[in-house]
């Protein structure tokens, strides 16, 4: 099986409420779980699945990509509530040794009619992955972290930008308008994860929202050296007393 197929097996195990299937390709000795709502180790994942036994659990993987030793996915479904999910799996010797999980509540189609998961799914093999990762890294560092909003025209083609966040409309102008409100309550301090395949680039950044720790989770699609599409959401970091492990929510 490919690494992507092995990663998807975890979701199949969650949907089937089958702890053995969910953990089939986890390294029993080295596995580290970064989902703060599950205990660390293989036994922690088994316990997490077992605790879903009385709840409906359905997950559909919409996108799955690989960058070196890491697989990253976007899924839609129901796990303790309807939501959209990004996951990252790191492999060694054919087994999963680390897993990060990010989620947001499901929302209705936005003002432009886009859902949180619709749009292109297959990576363009003609795109240069490393070039696109560099483009997104430079954009995120200059625009979001350093706050240099005047550089935006270098990364987008005119007003073109398909947006998948709930409550928003397409377009760079709309994005800048929304940013006036969003930027008042947030800081974005550091890129923690950056992965890509073809025209898709996935990024997780660390920051704050209203003074509390927050992760900013984004998936971009690049075309002709410009960002043309975005999926993503912020995710609050739960306080230590709520977390079931202390492995860190976003550390690579």
Protein backbone atom coordinates (compact mmCIF):
# COMPACT_ATOMS: atom_id res chain seq x y z
CA UNK A 1 0.00 0.00 0.00
CA UNK A 2 1.07 3.58 -0.59
CA UNK A 3 1.64 5.93 2.34
CA UNK A 4 -1.52 7.81 1.38
CA UNK A 5 -3.55 4.59 1.50
CA UNK A 6 -2.06 3.75 4.88
CA UNK A 7 -2.98 7.18 6.23
CA UNK A 8 -6.54 6.87 4.91
CA UNK A 9 -6.83 3.55 6.78
CA UNK A 10 -6.86 5.53 10.03
CA UNK A 11 -9.97 7.38 8.86
CA UNK A 12 -11.56 4.11 7.78
CA UNK A 13 -10.97 2.76 11.27
CA UNK A 14 -12.58 5.83 12.85
CA UNK A 15 -15.63 5.53 10.58
CA UNK A 16 -15.93 1.80 11.32
CA UNK A 17 -15.19 2.41 15.02
CA UNK A 18 -12.50 -0.24 14.67
CA UNK A 19 -9.45 0.57 16.86
CA UNK A 20 -7.36 -2.19 15.31
CA UNK A 21 -7.99 -0.91 11.77
CA UNK A 22 -7.37 2.71 12.78
CA UNK A 23 -3.96 1.81 14.24
CA UNK A 24 -2.95 -0.80 11.66
CA UNK A 25 -0.13 1.31 10.17
CA UNK A 26 0.98 3.14 13.32
CA UNK A 27 4.47 2.34 14.58
CA UNK A 28 3.85 0.66 17.96
CA UNK A 29 7.13 1.86 19.44
CA UNK A 30 7.65 5.35 18.00
CA UNK A 31 4.18 6.75 17.34
CA UNK A 32 3.56 10.29 18.67
CA UNK A 33 0.03 11.74 18.71
CA UNK A 34 -0.25 15.54 18.48
CA UNK A 35 -4.05 15.73 18.55
CA UNK A 36 -4.63 17.37 21.95
CA UNK A 37 -7.94 15.53 22.31
CA UNK A 38 -6.36 12.05 22.15
CA UNK A 39 -3.83 10.47 24.47
CA UNK A 40 -0.35 9.86 23.13
CA UNK A 41 0.80 6.59 21.60
CA UNK A 42 -1.03 3.82 19.76
CA UNK A 43 -3.09 2.97 22.83
CA UNK A 44 -4.25 6.58 22.98
CA UNK A 45 -5.59 6.36 19.42
CA UNK A 46 -7.35 3.10 20.21
CA UNK A 47 -8.96 4.68 23.24
CA UNK A 48 -10.03 7.70 21.18
CA UNK A 49 -11.78 5.45 18.64
CA UNK A 50 -13.40 3.37 21.36
CA UNK A 51 -14.83 6.50 22.96
CA UNK A 52 -16.58 7.29 19.66
CA UNK A 53 -18.60 4.08 19.93
CA UNK A 54 -21.79 5.87 21.00
CA UNK A 55 -21.39 8.69 18.49
CA UNK A 56 -21.87 8.75 14.73
CA UNK A 57 -18.45 8.88 13.07
CA UNK A 58 -18.15 9.35 9.33
CA UNK A 59 -15.17 10.74 7.48
CA UNK A 60 -14.67 11.26 3.74
CA UNK A 61 -11.19 12.14 2.54
CA UNK A 62 -11.51 14.85 -0.10
CA UNK A 63 -7.81 15.57 -0.74
CA UNK A 64 -4.68 13.55 0.00
CA UNK A 65 -1.15 14.56 -0.96
CA UNK A 66 2.41 13.52 -0.15
CA UNK A 67 5.54 15.57 0.41
CA UNK A 68 8.55 13.39 1.19
CA UNK A 69 7.93 11.50 4.42
CA UNK A 70 4.66 13.34 5.11
CA UNK A 71 1.10 12.80 3.91
CA UNK A 72 -1.43 15.60 4.40
CA UNK A 73 -5.17 15.24 3.94
CA UNK A 74 -8.39 17.21 4.00
CA UNK A 75 -11.55 15.41 5.08
CA UNK A 76 -15.20 16.21 5.63
CA UNK A 77 -17.64 14.46 7.92
CA UNK A 78 -18.81 13.91 11.45
CA UNK A 79 -16.61 13.20 14.45
CA UNK A 80 -18.19 14.54 17.64
CA UNK A 81 -19.96 17.08 15.43
CA UNK A 82 -20.00 18.00 11.74
CA UNK A 83 -16.71 19.45 10.64
CA UNK A 84 -13.86 19.83 8.20
CA UNK A 85 -10.49 18.30 9.03
CA UNK A 86 -6.85 18.62 8.05
CA UNK A 87 -4.42 15.90 9.11
CA UNK A 88 -0.68 15.39 8.71
CA UNK A 89 1.07 12.01 8.99
CA UNK A 90 4.84 11.51 9.12
CA UNK A 91 6.21 8.12 8.03
CA UNK A 92 9.37 6.21 8.85
CA UNK A 93 10.12 2.73 7.52
CA UNK A 94 6.64 2.41 6.05
CA UNK A 95 4.77 3.19 9.28
CA UNK A 96 3.21 6.34 10.72
CA UNK A 97 5.33 7.77 13.52
CA UNK A 98 3.61 11.14 14.04
CA UNK A 99 0.14 12.58 13.49
CA UNK A 100 -1.22 16.14 13.71
CA UNK A 101 -4.95 16.92 13.53
CA UNK A 102 -6.77 20.21 12.91
CA UNK A 103 -10.52 20.76 12.68
CA UNK A 104 -13.27 23.35 12.40
CA UNK A 105 -17.03 23.20 12.65
CA UNK A 106 -18.91 22.75 9.40
CA UNK A 107 -20.55 25.81 7.92
CA UNK A 108 -23.00 26.50 5.07
CA UNK A 109 -21.84 27.53 1.59
CA UNK A 110 -20.34 31.00 1.62
CA UNK A 111 -21.47 34.13 -0.24
CA UNK A 112 -19.91 32.85 -3.47
CA UNK A 113 -21.49 29.42 -3.07
CA UNK A 114 -18.33 27.56 -2.11
CA UNK A 115 -18.19 24.98 0.67
CA UNK A 116 -15.22 24.36 2.95
CA UNK A 117 -14.07 21.40 0.84
CA UNK A 118 -15.26 21.80 -2.77
CA UNK A 119 -12.99 22.68 -5.68
CA UNK A 120 -10.13 20.88 -7.46
CA UNK A 121 -8.75 17.83 -5.70
CA UNK A 122 -6.00 16.29 -7.84
CA UNK A 123 -2.54 17.90 -7.82
CA UNK A 124 -1.20 19.19 -11.13
CA UNK A 125 1.90 17.09 -11.97
CA UNK A 126 3.15 19.88 -14.21
CA UNK A 127 3.53 22.28 -11.29
CA UNK A 128 6.86 22.72 -9.47
CA UNK A 129 6.16 21.78 -5.84
CA UNK A 130 9.23 23.41 -4.32
CA UNK A 131 8.70 26.62 -6.28
CA UNK A 132 5.09 26.81 -5.13
CA UNK A 133 6.06 26.12 -1.52
CA UNK A 134 8.60 28.92 -1.70
CA UNK A 135 5.98 31.29 -3.14
CA UNK A 136 3.49 30.54 -0.37
CA UNK A 137 6.19 30.76 2.30
CA UNK A 138 7.30 34.18 1.04
CA UNK A 139 3.71 35.40 0.79
CA UNK A 140 2.80 34.23 4.28
CA UNK A 141 5.95 35.59 5.88
CA UNK A 142 5.72 39.03 4.27
CA UNK A 143 1.95 39.53 4.22
CA UNK A 144 0.66 37.78 7.34
CA UNK A 145 3.61 37.70 9.73
CA UNK A 146 5.37 40.96 8.85
CA UNK A 147 2.11 42.74 7.99
CA UNK A 148 3.35 44.08 4.64
CA UNK A 149 -0.06 44.22 2.98
CA UNK A 150 1.24 46.32 0.10
CA UNK A 151 2.96 43.24 -1.41
CA UNK A 152 -0.28 41.37 -2.10
CA UNK A 153 -0.30 42.19 -5.83
CA UNK A 154 2.90 40.15 -6.20
CA UNK A 155 1.14 36.96 -5.14
CA UNK A 156 -2.31 37.21 -6.76
CA UNK A 157 -3.44 37.87 -10.32
CA UNK A 158 -5.62 40.95 -10.07
CA UNK A 159 -8.73 40.23 -8.01
CA UNK A 160 -8.70 36.48 -8.68
CA UNK A 161 -9.00 34.35 -5.55
CA UNK A 162 -11.48 31.54 -4.89
CA UNK A 163 -12.23 31.41 -1.17
CA UNK A 164 -13.74 28.52 0.76
CA UNK A 165 -14.13 29.96 4.26
CA UNK A 166 -17.72 30.27 5.54
CA UNK A 167 -19.30 33.70 5.33
CA UNK A 168 -16.91 35.24 2.80
CA UNK A 169 -16.97 36.07 -0.91
CA UNK A 170 -14.42 35.48 -3.66
CA UNK A 171 -11.84 38.06 -4.60
CA UNK A 172 -8.70 39.73 -3.29
CA UNK A 173 -10.58 42.95 -2.58
CA UNK A 174 -13.07 41.07 -0.41
CA UNK A 175 -10.19 39.34 1.36
CA UNK A 176 -8.50 42.67 2.17
CA UNK A 177 -11.82 44.06 3.39
CA UNK A 178 -12.33 41.09 5.72
CA UNK A 179 -8.74 41.35 6.91
CA UNK A 180 -9.42 44.79 8.39
CA UNK A 181 -11.60 43.09 10.99
CA UNK A 182 -9.65 39.86 11.37
CA UNK A 183 -6.30 41.53 12.01
CA UNK A 184 -7.60 43.46 15.00
CA UNK A 185 -7.86 40.35 17.16
CA UNK A 186 -4.97 38.22 15.99
CA UNK A 187 -1.24 37.86 15.71
CA UNK A 188 0.54 35.39 13.43
CA UNK A 189 4.05 34.76 14.66
CA UNK A 190 5.69 31.79 12.98
CA UNK A 191 5.20 29.17 10.26
CA UNK A 192 5.31 25.73 11.88
CA UNK A 193 4.49 23.30 9.04
CA UNK A 194 4.83 23.75 5.26
CA UNK A 195 4.07 20.89 2.87
CA UNK A 196 3.07 20.64 -0.77
CA UNK A 197 2.45 18.55 -3.83
CA UNK A 198 2.13 20.09 -7.28
CA UNK A 199 -0.12 23.13 -7.14
CA UNK A 200 -1.29 22.53 -3.55
CA UNK A 201 0.57 23.95 -0.55
CA UNK A 202 -0.44 23.31 3.07
CA UNK A 203 0.66 25.56 5.90
CA UNK A 204 0.19 25.77 9.66
CA UNK A 205 1.22 28.91 11.53
CA UNK A 206 1.34 29.72 15.22
CA UNK A 207 -0.16 32.87 16.69
CA UNK A 208 -2.88 34.22 18.95
CA UNK A 209 -6.55 35.16 18.72
CA UNK A 210 -7.87 37.63 21.29
CA UNK A 211 -4.73 36.99 23.28
CA UNK A 212 -5.12 33.20 23.40
CA UNK A 213 -2.86 30.68 21.58
CA UNK A 214 -4.17 29.87 18.11
CA UNK A 215 -3.11 27.90 15.04
CA UNK A 216 -3.82 29.20 11.55
CA UNK A 217 -4.37 26.33 9.11
CA UNK A 218 -4.33 27.05 5.37
CA UNK A 219 -4.36 25.15 2.08
CA UNK A 220 -3.48 27.14 -1.04
CA UNK A 221 -3.65 26.29 -4.73
CA UNK A 222 -1.12 27.95 -7.02
CA UNK A 223 -1.45 28.48 -10.76
CA UNK A 224 1.07 30.25 -13.03
CA UNK A 225 3.09 31.47 -10.04
CA UNK A 226 0.05 33.08 -8.38
CA UNK A 227 -2.19 32.02 -5.50
CA UNK A 228 -5.66 31.35 -6.93
CA UNK A 229 -7.56 29.42 -4.25
CA UNK A 230 -7.68 29.04 -0.46
CA UNK A 231 -9.19 26.70 2.12
CA UNK A 232 -8.59 27.00 5.84
CA UNK A 233 -9.53 28.11 9.33
CA UNK A 234 -8.11 29.24 12.67
CA UNK A 235 -8.06 26.71 15.49
CA UNK A 236 -7.82 27.67 19.14
CA UNK A 237 -5.21 25.74 21.13
CA UNK A 238 -6.96 24.16 24.11
CA UNK A 239 -5.64 25.09 27.56
CA UNK A 240 -3.31 22.59 29.27
CA UNK A 241 -6.01 21.37 31.64
CA UNK A 242 -8.13 20.22 28.69
CA UNK A 243 -5.41 18.52 26.63
CA UNK A 244 -5.00 14.76 26.84
CA UNK A 245 -1.33 14.87 25.83
CA UNK A 246 1.53 17.32 26.05
CA UNK A 247 3.25 16.57 22.72
CA UNK A 248 2.53 20.00 21.20
CA UNK A 249 -0.24 20.80 18.72
CA UNK A 250 1.91 21.98 15.81
CA UNK A 251 5.58 21.28 16.37
CA UNK A 252 7.20 19.54 13.36
